[in-house]
C-alpha cells in the first residue's frame, strides 16, 4: 500500500540533505492531506505482525511503523496523548 507513496524515497541519496528534505516533505504532505490513506496504513499495521512488532508504546505516545523499507529506513507515525505534540519531521 505504501509502494507509490514511498517510491521516490527508494532512489534517494540519503547524504543529500536538500533532496531528502524535498522527497520526505512530499510524503508527509500527502499523508497530512489524505486522512483515508493514513487511516488505511494504520489499519494495515494491525494486520501485519512484522510492523506491529516494530511499533512501540510509551507513556505519552505510540510510535507506529507504517513502512519498514529493506533499504534500512522506516516511515513512522507518532500518536501523542492529548496535551502532547511534536511537529512533522524526518531523520537522516
C-alpha atoms as a PDB file:
ATOM      1  CA  UNK A   1       0.000   0.000   0.000  1.00  0.00           C
ATOM      2  CA  UNK A   2       2.921   2.326   0.603  1.00  0.00           C
ATOM      3  CA  UNK A   3       4.518   1.491  -2.760  1.00  0.00           C
ATOM      4  CA  UNK A   4       3.571   4.602  -4.735  1.00  0.00           C
ATOM      5  CA  UNK A   5       3.887   6.843  -1.698  1.00  0.00           C
ATOM      6  CA  UNK A   6       7.433   5.761  -0.881  1.00  0.00           C
ATOM      7  CA  UNK A   7       8.686   5.097  -4.423  1.00  0.00           C
ATOM      8  CA  UNK A   8      10.507   8.480  -4.652  1.00  0.00           C
ATOM      9  CA  UNK A   9      12.436   7.579  -1.487  1.00  0.00           C
ATOM     10  CA  UNK A  10      13.918   4.383  -2.932  1.00  0.00           C
ATOM     11  CA  UNK A  11      16.490   6.104  -5.120  1.00  0.00           C
ATOM     12  CA  UNK A  12      17.421   8.873  -2.683  1.00  0.00           C
ATOM     13  CA  UNK A  13      20.981   9.683  -1.788  1.00  0.00           C
ATOM     14  CA  UNK A  14      20.427   9.949   1.970  1.00  0.00           C
ATOM     15  CA  UNK A  15      23.587  12.070   2.251  1.00  0.00           C
ATOM     16  CA  UNK A  16      21.967  14.798   0.101  1.00  0.00           C
ATOM     17  CA  UNK A  17      20.043  16.659   2.801  1.00  0.00           C
ATOM     18  CA  UNK A  18      18.111  19.036   0.471  1.00  0.00           C
ATOM     19  CA  UNK A  19      16.960  16.103  -1.695  1.00  0.00           C
ATOM     20  CA  UNK A  20      15.956  14.114   1.387  1.00  0.00           C
ATOM     21  CA  UNK A  21      14.001  17.058   2.781  1.00  0.00           C
ATOM     22  CA  UNK A  22      12.198  17.643  -0.525  1.00  0.00           C
ATOM     23  CA  UNK A  23      11.255  13.987  -1.008  1.00  0.00           C
ATOM     24  CA  UNK A  24      10.211  13.310   2.580  1.00  0.00           C
ATOM     25  CA  UNK A  25       8.238  16.560   2.750  1.00  0.00           C
ATOM     26  CA  UNK A  26       6.134  15.336  -0.173  1.00  0.00           C
ATOM     27  CA  UNK A  27       5.395  12.086   1.672  1.00  0.00           C
ATOM     28  CA  UNK A  28       4.472  13.948   4.871  1.00  0.00           C
ATOM     29  CA  UNK A  29       2.245  16.370   2.958  1.00  0.00           C
ATOM     30  CA  UNK A  30       0.477  13.513   1.175  1.00  0.00           C
ATOM     31  CA  UNK A  31      -0.230  11.768   4.474  1.00  0.00           C
ATOM     32  CA  UNK A  32      -1.372  15.004   6.128  1.00  0.00           C
ATOM     33  CA  UNK A  33      -3.732  15.769   3.226  1.00  0.00           C
ATOM     34  CA  UNK A  34      -5.154  12.262   2.797  1.00  0.00           C
ATOM     35  CA  UNK A  35      -6.711  11.098   6.055  1.00  0.00           C
ATOM     36  CA  UNK A  36      -8.178   7.996   4.395  1.00  0.00           C
ATOM     37  CA  UNK A  37      -4.741   6.873   3.226  1.00  0.00           C
ATOM     38  CA  UNK A  38      -3.253   7.434   6.674  1.00  0.00           C
ATOM     39  CA  UNK A  39      -6.129   5.532   8.280  1.00  0.00           C
ATOM     40  CA  UNK A  40      -5.650   2.593   5.860  1.00  0.00           C
ATOM     41  CA  UNK A  41      -1.922   2.495   6.625  1.00  0.00           C
ATOM     42  CA  UNK A  42      -2.593   2.400  10.376  1.00  0.00           C
ATOM     43  CA  UNK A  43      -5.144  -0.399   9.948  1.00  0.00           C
ATOM     44  CA  UNK A  44      -2.612  -2.282   7.821  1.00  0.00           C
ATOM     45  CA  UNK A  45      -0.193  -2.273  10.778  1.00  0.00           C
ATOM     46  CA  UNK A  46      -2.788  -4.109  12.873  1.00  0.00           C
ATOM     47  CA  UNK A  47      -2.798  -6.924  10.299  1.00  0.00           C
ATOM     48  CA  UNK A  48       0.978  -7.054   9.759  1.00  0.00           C
ATOM     49  CA  UNK A  49       2.813  -8.910  12.533  1.00  0.00           C
ATOM     50  CA  UNK A  50       6.205  -7.512  11.482  1.00  0.00           C
ATOM     51  CA  UNK A  51       5.068  -3.859  11.565  1.00  0.00           C
ATOM     52  CA  UNK A  52       3.151  -4.413  14.799  1.00  0.00           C
ATOM     53  CA  UNK A  53       6.201  -5.908  16.472  1.00  0.00           C
ATOM     54  CA  UNK A  54       8.364  -2.917  15.431  1.00  0.00           C
ATOM     55  CA  UNK A  55       5.866  -0.379  16.769  1.00  0.00           C
ATOM     56  CA  UNK A  56       6.430   0.986  20.287  1.00  0.00           C
ATOM     57  CA  UNK A  57       4.271   2.269  23.152  1.00  0.00           C
ATOM     58  CA  UNK A  58       5.400   4.937  25.633  1.00  0.00           C
ATOM     59  CA  UNK A  59       3.677   6.922  28.383  1.00  0.00           C
ATOM     60  CA  UNK A  60       2.884   9.917  26.160  1.00  0.00           C
ATOM     61  CA  UNK A  61       2.857   8.437  22.657  1.00  0.00           C
ATOM     62  CA  UNK A  62       2.758   5.428  20.389  1.00  0.00           C
ATOM     63  CA  UNK A  63       5.312   5.050  17.591  1.00  0.00           C
ATOM     64  CA  UNK A  64       3.569   3.172  14.789  1.00  0.00           C
ATOM     65  CA  UNK A  65       5.760   1.806  11.986  1.00  0.00           C
ATOM     66  CA  UNK A  66       3.788   2.318   8.758  1.00  0.00           C
ATOM     67  CA  UNK A  67       6.555   1.067   6.458  1.00  0.00           C
ATOM     68  CA  UNK A  68       9.808  -0.811   7.081  1.00  0.00           C
ATOM     69  CA  UNK A  69      11.913  -0.477   3.961  1.00  0.00           C
ATOM     70  CA  UNK A  70      14.521  -3.117   3.075  1.00  0.00           C
ATOM     71  CA  UNK A  71      16.958  -0.246   2.366  1.00  0.00           C
ATOM     72  CA  UNK A  72      17.048   0.478   6.100  1.00  0.00           C
ATOM     73  CA  UNK A  73      14.619   3.345   6.660  1.00  0.00           C
ATOM     74  CA  UNK A  74      11.155   3.425   8.232  1.00  0.00           C
ATOM     75  CA  UNK A  75       8.059   5.551   7.921  1.00  0.00           C
ATOM     76  CA  UNK A  76       6.846   6.070  11.480  1.00  0.00           C
ATOM     77  CA  UNK A  77       3.750   7.795  12.845  1.00  0.00           C
ATOM     78  CA  UNK A  78       3.829   9.259  16.351  1.00  0.00           C
ATOM     79  CA  UNK A  79       0.422   9.273  18.037  1.00  0.00           C
ATOM     80  CA  UNK A  80       0.503  11.521  21.111  1.00  0.00           C
ATOM     81  CA  UNK A  81      -1.842  11.600  24.072  1.00  0.00           C
ATOM     82  CA  UNK A  82      -3.868  14.814  24.422  1.00  0.00           C
ATOM     83  CA  UNK A  83      -1.717  17.714  25.586  1.00  0.00           C
ATOM     84  CA  UNK A  84       1.464  16.407  23.952  1.00  0.00           C
ATOM     85  CA  UNK A  85       2.669  17.075  20.416  1.00  0.00           C
ATOM     86  CA  UNK A  86       5.570  17.256  18.008  1.00  0.00           C
ATOM     87  CA  UNK A  87       5.947  18.642  14.511  1.00  0.00           C
ATOM     88  CA  UNK A  88       6.237  16.502  11.349  1.00  0.00           C
ATOM     89  CA  UNK A  89       9.907  15.845  10.689  1.00  0.00           C
ATOM     90  CA  UNK A  90      12.399  13.391   9.249  1.00  0.00           C
ATOM     91  CA  UNK A  91      15.660  11.898  10.405  1.00  0.00           C
ATOM     92  CA  UNK A  92      18.694  11.115   8.324  1.00  0.00           C
END
